């Protein structure tokens, strides 16, 4: 079985999950900020937003996040759950258009045992995949091969989402 290694994520793993002096999650801080471009925000809905992952597993890795800080799917309102999935579908289409991946991993880690890094604020991962994207570079070279800067990918996805 091949694994998608992301050793550069150690900075995230060891770093703070909440902004200093703030009671909300990092996602709450991003949602409340007016620095969308700096934060790699690519779409805002009524109840959820889409943002690029600062510590991606792969190029184009993005997150769909409800504005409201909740830890579990059962805590979402019907409107939040619907928009979470609608925004996921829209982002997946934008990723297909701009990056032409061969597939996707889409999922939510709920709880510590499931690997949730920010347990108090549910978020949906959308990870585009390409044949052979699990190679020797991350596994042996401790190097991620991300073919484009996150800011450039964010700009392309914002443009693609604006067209739809």
N, C-alpha and C. Protein backbone atom coordinates (compact mmCIF):
# COMPACT_ATOMS: atom_id res chain seq x y z
N UNK A 1 0.84 -1.18 0.00
CA UNK A 1 0.00 0.00 0.00
C UNK A 1 0.89 1.24 0.00
N UNK A 2 0.61 2.18 -0.92
CA UNK A 2 1.35 3.43 -0.96
C UNK A 2 0.74 4.41 0.02
N UNK A 3 1.56 5.27 0.59
CA UNK A 3 1.10 6.29 1.51
C UNK A 3 1.47 7.66 0.98
N UNK A 4 0.63 8.62 1.23
CA UNK A 4 0.92 10.00 0.86
C UNK A 4 1.61 10.65 2.05
N UNK A 5 2.92 10.76 1.99
CA UNK A 5 3.71 11.31 3.09
C UNK A 5 3.78 12.82 2.98
N UNK A 6 3.70 13.50 4.12
CA UNK A 6 3.78 14.96 4.15
C UNK A 6 4.61 15.40 5.35
N UNK A 7 5.92 15.12 5.35
CA UNK A 7 6.75 15.43 6.51
C UNK A 7 6.84 16.92 6.81
N UNK A 8 6.59 17.79 5.84
CA UNK A 8 6.63 19.23 6.08
C UNK A 8 5.49 19.69 6.98
N UNK A 9 4.51 18.80 7.24
CA UNK A 9 3.39 19.16 8.10
C UNK A 9 3.78 19.21 9.58
N UNK A 10 5.01 18.83 9.93
CA UNK A 10 5.42 18.84 11.32
C UNK A 10 5.31 20.24 11.91
N UNK A 11 5.54 21.27 11.09
CA UNK A 11 5.39 22.66 11.55
C UNK A 11 3.97 22.90 12.05
N UNK A 12 2.99 22.37 11.30
CA UNK A 12 1.60 22.49 11.71
C UNK A 12 1.32 21.65 12.95
N UNK A 13 1.78 20.42 12.96
CA UNK A 13 1.51 19.49 14.06
C UNK A 13 2.00 20.06 15.38
N UNK A 14 3.18 20.66 15.38
CA UNK A 14 3.76 21.18 16.60
C UNK A 14 3.33 22.61 16.91
N UNK A 15 2.74 23.29 15.95
CA UNK A 15 2.37 24.70 16.12
C UNK A 15 1.04 24.88 16.83
N UNK A 16 0.72 26.14 17.17
CA UNK A 16 -0.54 26.44 17.86
C UNK A 16 -1.74 26.21 16.94
N UNK A 17 -2.85 25.76 17.52
CA UNK A 17 -4.07 25.53 16.76
C UNK A 17 -5.06 26.68 16.93
N UNK A 18 -4.77 27.57 17.86
CA UNK A 18 -5.60 28.74 18.10
C UNK A 18 -4.71 29.98 18.05
N UNK A 19 -5.22 31.07 17.50
CA UNK A 19 -4.45 32.30 17.54
C UNK A 19 -4.20 32.70 18.99
N UNK A 20 -3.04 33.27 19.27
CA UNK A 20 -2.72 33.67 20.64
C UNK A 20 -3.74 34.67 21.15
N UNK A 21 -4.18 34.47 22.41
CA UNK A 21 -5.11 35.38 23.04
C UNK A 21 -6.53 35.28 22.51
N UNK A 22 -6.84 34.23 21.78
CA UNK A 22 -8.16 34.09 21.18
C UNK A 22 -8.78 32.78 21.64
N UNK A 23 -10.09 32.81 21.85
CA UNK A 23 -10.79 31.60 22.27
C UNK A 23 -11.26 30.77 21.09
N UNK A 24 -11.24 31.31 19.89
CA UNK A 24 -11.72 30.58 18.73
C UNK A 24 -10.60 29.81 18.04
N UNK A 25 -10.99 28.92 17.14
CA UNK A 25 -10.00 28.15 16.39
C UNK A 25 -9.34 29.04 15.34
N UNK A 26 -8.30 28.53 14.72
CA UNK A 26 -7.64 29.24 13.62
C UNK A 26 -8.64 29.48 12.49
N UNK A 27 -9.58 28.57 12.31
CA UNK A 27 -10.60 28.74 11.27
C UNK A 27 -11.52 29.92 11.58
N UNK A 28 -11.85 30.09 12.86
CA UNK A 28 -12.68 31.23 13.27
C UNK A 28 -11.95 32.53 12.97
N UNK A 29 -10.65 32.56 13.27
CA UNK A 29 -9.85 33.76 13.00
C UNK A 29 -9.81 34.06 11.50
N UNK A 30 -9.64 33.03 10.68
CA UNK A 30 -9.62 33.21 9.22
C UNK A 30 -10.97 33.72 8.73
N UNK A 31 -12.05 33.12 9.23
CA UNK A 31 -13.40 33.52 8.81
C UNK A 31 -13.70 34.97 9.17
N UNK A 32 -13.20 35.43 10.31
CA UNK A 32 -13.48 36.79 10.78
C UNK A 32 -12.53 37.83 10.18
N UNK A 33 -11.48 37.38 9.56
CA UNK A 33 -10.47 38.29 8.99
C UNK A 33 -10.97 38.90 7.68
N UNK A 34 -10.47 40.08 7.37
CA UNK A 34 -10.76 40.68 6.07
C UNK A 34 -9.57 40.51 5.12
N UNK A 35 -8.67 39.61 5.47
CA UNK A 35 -7.45 39.35 4.69
C UNK A 35 -7.61 38.06 3.87
N UNK A 36 -8.66 37.99 3.06
CA UNK A 36 -8.96 36.75 2.33
C UNK A 36 -7.80 36.28 1.46
N UNK A 37 -7.18 37.17 0.73
CA UNK A 37 -6.09 36.76 -0.16
C UNK A 37 -4.90 36.24 0.66
N UNK A 38 -4.54 36.94 1.71
CA UNK A 38 -3.42 36.53 2.57
C UNK A 38 -3.70 35.17 3.22
N UNK A 39 -4.96 34.93 3.59
CA UNK A 39 -5.34 33.68 4.25
C UNK A 39 -5.69 32.56 3.26
N UNK A 40 -5.55 32.82 1.97
CA UNK A 40 -5.86 31.85 0.91
C UNK A 40 -7.33 31.43 0.91
N UNK A 41 -8.20 32.34 1.30
CA UNK A 41 -9.64 32.11 1.24
C UNK A 41 -10.03 32.08 -0.23
N UNK A 42 -10.76 31.05 -0.64
CA UNK A 42 -11.14 30.98 -2.06
C UNK A 42 -12.63 31.15 -2.29
N UNK A 43 -13.46 30.95 -1.26
CA UNK A 43 -14.90 31.14 -1.42
C UNK A 43 -15.55 31.33 -0.06
N UNK A 44 -16.56 32.19 -0.04
CA UNK A 44 -17.37 32.41 1.17
C UNK A 44 -18.82 32.16 0.82
N UNK A 45 -19.48 31.32 1.60
CA UNK A 45 -20.91 31.11 1.47
C UNK A 45 -21.62 31.74 2.65
N UNK A 46 -22.89 31.40 2.83
CA UNK A 46 -23.66 31.94 3.95
C UNK A 46 -23.26 31.28 5.27
N UNK A 47 -22.99 29.96 5.22
CA UNK A 47 -22.71 29.22 6.46
C UNK A 47 -21.34 28.57 6.48
N UNK A 48 -20.67 28.51 5.33
CA UNK A 48 -19.38 27.82 5.21
C UNK A 48 -18.45 28.61 4.28
N UNK A 49 -17.17 28.30 4.38
CA UNK A 49 -16.18 28.91 3.49
C UNK A 49 -15.18 27.87 3.04
N UNK A 50 -14.45 28.18 1.97
CA UNK A 50 -13.40 27.29 1.45
C UNK A 50 -12.08 28.04 1.51
N UNK A 51 -11.05 27.35 2.00
CA UNK A 51 -9.74 27.95 2.17
C UNK A 51 -8.67 26.92 1.80
N UNK A 52 -7.58 27.39 1.22
CA UNK A 52 -6.47 26.48 0.91
C UNK A 52 -5.83 26.02 2.22
N UNK A 53 -5.36 24.79 2.24
CA UNK A 53 -4.65 24.27 3.41
C UNK A 53 -3.22 24.83 3.38
N UNK A 54 -2.82 25.48 4.46
CA UNK A 54 -1.46 26.04 4.56
C UNK A 54 -0.40 24.96 4.64
N UNK A 55 -0.78 23.75 5.03
CA UNK A 55 0.15 22.64 5.17
C UNK A 55 -0.40 21.46 4.37
N UNK A 56 -0.38 21.58 3.02
CA UNK A 56 -1.09 20.61 2.18
C UNK A 56 -0.43 19.24 2.11
N UNK A 57 -1.28 18.23 1.95
CA UNK A 57 -0.80 16.89 1.63
C UNK A 57 -0.39 16.82 0.17
N UNK A 58 -1.02 17.65 -0.65
CA UNK A 58 -0.80 17.63 -2.09
C UNK A 58 -1.16 19.00 -2.65
N UNK A 59 -0.71 19.31 -3.84
CA UNK A 59 -1.08 20.57 -4.49
C UNK A 59 -2.60 20.65 -4.59
N UNK A 60 -3.15 21.81 -4.29
CA UNK A 60 -4.59 22.00 -4.39
C UNK A 60 -5.39 21.57 -3.18
N UNK A 61 -4.74 21.04 -2.14
CA UNK A 61 -5.43 20.59 -0.93
C UNK A 61 -6.15 21.77 -0.29
N UNK A 62 -7.47 21.66 -0.19
CA UNK A 62 -8.26 22.74 0.40
C UNK A 62 -9.20 22.20 1.45
N UNK A 63 -9.78 23.13 2.21
CA UNK A 63 -10.66 22.78 3.32
C UNK A 63 -11.98 23.53 3.17
N UNK A 64 -13.07 22.83 3.46
CA UNK A 64 -14.39 23.45 3.51
C UNK A 64 -14.76 23.49 5.00
N UNK A 65 -15.10 24.68 5.50
CA UNK A 65 -15.24 24.88 6.95
C UNK A 65 -16.53 25.65 7.25
N UNK A 66 -17.34 25.18 8.20
CA UNK A 66 -18.48 26.00 8.63
C UNK A 66 -17.97 27.21 9.43
N UNK A 67 -18.65 28.33 9.30
CA UNK A 67 -18.26 29.50 10.11
C UNK A 67 -18.42 29.18 11.59
N UNK A 68 -19.47 28.46 11.93
CA UNK A 68 -19.74 28.13 13.32
C UNK A 68 -18.79 27.02 13.77
N UNK A 69 -18.21 27.20 14.93
CA UNK A 69 -17.24 26.24 15.45
C UNK A 69 -17.98 25.08 16.12
N UNK A 70 -18.00 23.93 15.43
CA UNK A 70 -18.63 22.72 15.97
C UNK A 70 -17.69 21.54 15.75
N UNK A 71 -17.71 20.55 16.66
CA UNK A 71 -16.77 19.43 16.55
C UNK A 71 -17.28 18.23 15.75
N UNK A 72 -18.58 18.16 15.45
CA UNK A 72 -19.12 16.93 14.88
C UNK A 72 -20.21 17.23 13.85
N UNK A 73 -20.37 16.33 12.90
CA UNK A 73 -21.42 16.47 11.89
C UNK A 73 -22.80 16.61 12.52
N UNK A 74 -23.03 15.90 13.62
CA UNK A 74 -24.32 15.94 14.30
C UNK A 74 -24.65 17.34 14.82
N UNK A 75 -23.63 18.18 14.98
CA UNK A 75 -23.83 19.53 15.50
C UNK A 75 -24.18 20.55 14.41
N UNK A 76 -24.03 20.17 13.15
CA UNK A 76 -24.34 21.08 12.05
C UNK A 76 -25.84 21.20 11.84
N UNK A 77 -26.29 22.38 11.46
CA UNK A 77 -27.69 22.54 11.05
C UNK A 77 -27.83 21.92 9.66
N UNK A 78 -29.06 21.71 9.23
CA UNK A 78 -29.28 21.18 7.89
C UNK A 78 -28.72 22.13 6.83
N UNK A 79 -28.88 23.44 7.04
CA UNK A 79 -28.35 24.42 6.09
C UNK A 79 -26.83 24.36 6.01
N UNK A 80 -26.17 24.22 7.17
CA UNK A 80 -24.71 24.13 7.19
C UNK A 80 -24.23 22.87 6.48
N UNK A 81 -24.88 21.75 6.76
CA UNK A 81 -24.49 20.49 6.15
C UNK A 81 -24.68 20.54 4.63
N UNK A 82 -25.79 21.10 4.19
CA UNK A 82 -26.05 21.21 2.76
C UNK A 82 -25.01 22.10 2.08
N UNK A 83 -24.73 23.25 2.67
CA UNK A 83 -23.76 24.15 2.04
C UNK A 83 -22.35 23.57 2.08
N UNK A 84 -22.00 22.84 3.14
CA UNK A 84 -20.70 22.18 3.22
C UNK A 84 -20.49 21.29 2.00
N UNK A 85 -21.50 20.48 1.68
CA UNK A 85 -21.39 19.56 0.55
C UNK A 85 -21.51 20.28 -0.80
N UNK A 86 -22.34 21.31 -0.87
CA UNK A 86 -22.44 22.07 -2.12
C UNK A 86 -21.13 22.78 -2.43
N UNK A 87 -20.51 23.37 -1.41
CA UNK A 87 -19.23 24.04 -1.61
C UNK A 87 -18.14 23.04 -1.96
N UNK A 88 -18.21 21.85 -1.37
CA UNK A 88 -17.28 20.78 -1.72
C UNK A 88 -17.41 20.44 -3.21
N UNK A 89 -18.62 20.29 -3.67
CA UNK A 89 -18.86 19.97 -5.08
C UNK A 89 -18.34 21.08 -6.00
N UNK A 90 -18.58 22.34 -5.63
CA UNK A 90 -18.11 23.46 -6.43
C UNK A 90 -16.59 23.52 -6.47
N UNK A 91 -15.96 23.29 -5.32
CA UNK A 91 -14.49 23.31 -5.26
C UNK A 91 -13.88 22.15 -6.03
N UNK A 92 -14.52 21.00 -5.95
CA UNK A 92 -14.05 19.85 -6.72
C UNK A 92 -14.09 20.17 -8.21
N UNK A 93 -15.16 20.80 -8.67
CA UNK A 93 -15.27 21.18 -10.08
C UNK A 93 -14.19 22.20 -10.46
N UNK A 94 -13.92 23.15 -9.57
CA UNK A 94 -12.88 24.16 -9.84
C UNK A 94 -11.50 23.51 -9.88
N UNK A 95 -11.25 22.55 -8.99
CA UNK A 95 -9.98 21.83 -9.01
C UNK A 95 -9.82 21.03 -10.30
N UNK A 96 -10.90 20.38 -10.74
CA UNK A 96 -10.85 19.64 -12.00
C UNK A 96 -10.49 20.57 -13.16
N UNK A 97 -11.14 21.73 -13.18
CA UNK A 97 -10.93 22.69 -14.26
C UNK A 97 -9.51 23.26 -14.26
N UNK A 98 -8.98 23.57 -13.09
CA UNK A 98 -7.70 24.28 -13.01
C UNK A 98 -6.49 23.36 -12.88
N UNK A 99 -6.68 22.14 -12.36
CA UNK A 99 -5.53 21.28 -12.08
C UNK A 99 -5.59 19.91 -12.74
N UNK A 100 -6.76 19.51 -13.23
CA UNK A 100 -6.93 18.25 -13.94
C UNK A 100 -6.41 17.03 -13.16
N UNK A 101 -6.85 16.86 -11.90
CA UNK A 101 -6.40 15.69 -11.15
C UNK A 101 -7.05 14.41 -11.67
N UNK A 102 -6.42 13.28 -11.33
CA UNK A 102 -6.95 11.99 -11.72
C UNK A 102 -7.97 11.44 -10.73
N UNK A 103 -8.09 12.07 -9.57
CA UNK A 103 -9.02 11.63 -8.54
C UNK A 103 -8.96 12.57 -7.35
N UNK A 104 -9.71 12.23 -6.30
CA UNK A 104 -9.78 13.05 -5.09
C UNK A 104 -9.87 12.17 -3.86
N UNK A 105 -9.30 12.65 -2.77
CA UNK A 105 -9.62 12.15 -1.43
C UNK A 105 -10.44 13.26 -0.79
N UNK A 106 -11.63 12.92 -0.30
CA UNK A 106 -12.50 13.88 0.36
C UNK A 106 -12.93 13.26 1.68
N UNK A 107 -12.71 13.99 2.78
CA UNK A 107 -13.08 13.41 4.06
C UNK A 107 -12.98 14.35 5.24
N UNK A 108 -13.52 13.87 6.35
CA UNK A 108 -13.54 14.61 7.61
C UNK A 108 -12.98 13.71 8.70
N UNK A 109 -12.04 14.21 9.47
CA UNK A 109 -11.51 13.49 10.63
C UNK A 109 -12.23 14.02 11.86
N UNK A 110 -13.04 13.19 12.49
CA UNK A 110 -13.81 13.60 13.67
C UNK A 110 -13.21 12.99 14.92
N UNK A 111 -12.69 13.82 15.81
CA UNK A 111 -12.14 13.35 17.07
C UNK A 111 -10.65 13.04 17.00
N UNK A 112 -10.04 13.03 18.16
CA UNK A 112 -8.60 12.82 18.28
C UNK A 112 -8.17 11.46 17.70
N UNK A 113 -8.92 10.41 18.02
CA UNK A 113 -8.56 9.06 17.55
C UNK A 113 -8.60 8.95 16.03
N UNK A 114 -9.40 9.79 15.39
CA UNK A 114 -9.52 9.77 13.93
C UNK A 114 -8.48 10.65 13.25
N UNK A 115 -7.68 11.35 14.04
CA UNK A 115 -6.62 12.17 13.47
C UNK A 115 -6.97 13.63 13.28
N UNK A 116 -8.06 14.09 13.88
CA UNK A 116 -8.44 15.49 13.74
C UNK A 116 -7.40 16.38 14.41
N UNK A 117 -6.84 17.30 13.65
CA UNK A 117 -5.84 18.22 14.19
C UNK A 117 -6.47 19.40 14.90
N UNK A 118 -7.63 19.83 14.44
CA UNK A 118 -8.37 20.92 15.07
C UNK A 118 -9.74 20.34 15.42
N UNK A 119 -9.77 19.61 16.51
CA UNK A 119 -10.95 18.81 16.89
C UNK A 119 -12.20 19.64 17.13
N UNK A 120 -12.03 20.85 17.63
CA UNK A 120 -13.20 21.65 18.02
C UNK A 120 -13.89 22.31 16.83
N UNK A 121 -13.28 22.28 15.65
CA UNK A 121 -13.87 22.96 14.49
C UNK A 121 -13.81 22.03 13.27
N UNK A 122 -14.89 21.33 13.06
CA UNK A 122 -15.03 20.39 11.94
C UNK A 122 -14.61 21.07 10.62
N UNK A 123 -13.95 20.31 9.77
CA UNK A 123 -13.58 20.81 8.44
C UNK A 123 -13.44 19.62 7.49
N UNK A 124 -13.82 19.83 6.26
CA UNK A 124 -13.80 18.80 5.22
C UNK A 124 -12.57 19.01 4.34
N UNK A 125 -11.76 17.97 4.21
CA UNK A 125 -10.57 18.02 3.36
C UNK A 125 -10.94 17.62 1.93
N UNK A 126 -10.45 18.38 0.96
CA UNK A 126 -10.58 18.03 -0.45
C UNK A 126 -9.15 17.99 -0.99
N UNK A 127 -8.67 16.78 -1.31
CA UNK A 127 -7.28 16.60 -1.73
C UNK A 127 -7.26 16.03 -3.15
N UNK A 128 -6.85 16.84 -4.14
CA UNK A 128 -6.73 16.29 -5.49
C UNK A 128 -5.56 15.30 -5.55
N UNK A 129 -5.72 14.28 -6.39
CA UNK A 129 -4.70 13.23 -6.50
C UNK A 129 -4.37 12.98 -7.97
N UNK A 130 -3.13 12.59 -8.20
CA UNK A 130 -2.65 12.23 -9.53
C UNK A 130 -1.97 10.88 -9.45
N UNK A 131 -2.03 10.13 -10.52
CA UNK A 131 -1.33 8.85 -10.58
C UNK A 131 0.14 9.09 -10.26
N UNK A 132 0.68 8.33 -9.32
CA UNK A 132 2.10 8.43 -8.99
C UNK A 132 2.45 9.58 -8.06
N UNK A 133 1.46 10.22 -7.42
CA UNK A 133 1.80 11.34 -6.55
C UNK A 133 2.38 10.90 -5.21
N UNK A 134 2.41 9.62 -4.96
CA UNK A 134 3.12 9.11 -3.78
C UNK A 134 4.43 8.52 -4.28
N UNK A 135 5.48 9.31 -4.20
CA UNK A 135 6.75 8.87 -4.76
C UNK A 135 7.86 8.98 -3.74
N UNK A 136 9.08 8.84 -4.18
CA UNK A 136 10.22 8.79 -3.26
C UNK A 136 10.56 10.14 -2.63
N UNK A 137 10.17 11.25 -3.25
CA UNK A 137 10.59 12.56 -2.73
C UNK A 137 10.14 12.79 -1.29
N UNK A 138 8.84 12.69 -0.97
CA UNK A 138 8.46 12.91 0.42
C UNK A 138 8.94 11.80 1.35
N UNK A 139 8.93 10.57 0.84
CA UNK A 139 9.27 9.43 1.70
C UNK A 139 10.74 9.40 2.06
N UNK A 140 11.62 9.64 1.10
CA UNK A 140 13.05 9.54 1.34
C UNK A 140 13.75 10.89 1.39
N UNK A 141 13.31 11.81 0.58
CA UNK A 141 13.99 13.09 0.50
C UNK A 141 13.47 14.15 1.44
N UNK A 142 12.41 13.81 2.21
CA UNK A 142 11.80 14.78 3.13
C UNK A 142 11.46 16.08 2.39
N UNK A 143 11.04 15.93 1.14
CA UNK A 143 10.75 17.08 0.29
C UNK A 143 9.39 16.90 -0.37
N UNK A 144 8.58 17.93 -0.28
CA UNK A 144 7.28 17.90 -0.95
C UNK A 144 7.44 18.49 -2.34
N UNK A 145 6.86 17.83 -3.31
CA UNK A 145 6.87 18.37 -4.66
C UNK A 145 5.50 18.97 -4.91
N UNK A 146 5.39 20.26 -4.66
CA UNK A 146 4.16 21.00 -4.89
C UNK A 146 4.47 21.90 -6.08
N UNK A 147 3.85 21.65 -7.24
CA UNK A 147 4.26 22.31 -8.48
C UNK A 147 3.89 23.78 -8.60
N UNK A 148 3.16 24.30 -7.62
CA UNK A 148 2.69 25.67 -7.73
C UNK A 148 2.52 26.24 -6.33
N UNK A 149 2.80 27.52 -6.16
CA UNK A 149 2.63 28.18 -4.86
C UNK A 149 1.15 28.16 -4.48
N UNK A 150 0.88 28.02 -3.18
CA UNK A 150 -0.50 27.96 -2.69
C UNK A 150 -1.26 29.22 -3.12
N UNK A 151 -0.61 30.37 -3.07
CA UNK A 151 -1.28 31.63 -3.46
C UNK A 151 -1.72 31.60 -4.92
N UNK A 152 -0.90 31.03 -5.80
CA UNK A 152 -1.27 30.93 -7.22
C UNK A 152 -2.44 29.98 -7.42
N UNK A 153 -2.41 28.85 -6.73
CA UNK A 153 -3.52 27.90 -6.82
C UNK A 153 -4.80 28.55 -6.30
N UNK A 154 -4.70 29.27 -5.18
CA UNK A 154 -5.86 29.95 -4.60
C UNK A 154 -6.45 30.94 -5.60
N UNK A 155 -5.61 31.72 -6.27
CA UNK A 155 -6.09 32.70 -7.25
C UNK A 155 -6.81 32.01 -8.41
N UNK A 156 -6.27 30.92 -8.90
CA UNK A 156 -6.90 30.18 -10.00
C UNK A 156 -8.26 29.62 -9.57
N UNK A 157 -8.32 29.08 -8.36
CA UNK A 157 -9.57 28.50 -7.87
C UNK A 157 -10.62 29.58 -7.62
N UNK A 158 -10.20 30.72 -7.08
CA UNK A 158 -11.15 31.84 -6.89
C UNK A 158 -11.75 32.23 -8.24
N UNK A 159 -10.92 32.33 -9.27
CA UNK A 159 -11.40 32.71 -10.60
C UNK A 159 -12.36 31.65 -11.15
N UNK A 160 -12.01 30.38 -10.99
CA UNK A 160 -12.88 29.30 -11.50
C UNK A 160 -14.21 29.28 -10.75
N UNK A 161 -14.18 29.49 -9.44
CA UNK A 161 -15.41 29.50 -8.65
C UNK A 161 -16.28 30.70 -9.00
N UNK A 162 -15.67 31.83 -9.33
CA UNK A 162 -16.43 33.03 -9.69
C UNK A 162 -17.18 32.85 -11.00
N UNK A 163 -16.67 31.99 -11.89
CA UNK A 163 -17.32 31.74 -13.18
C UNK A 163 -18.55 30.86 -13.04
N UNK A 164 -18.61 30.05 -11.99
CA UNK A 164 -19.71 29.09 -11.84
C UNK A 164 -20.78 29.58 -10.91
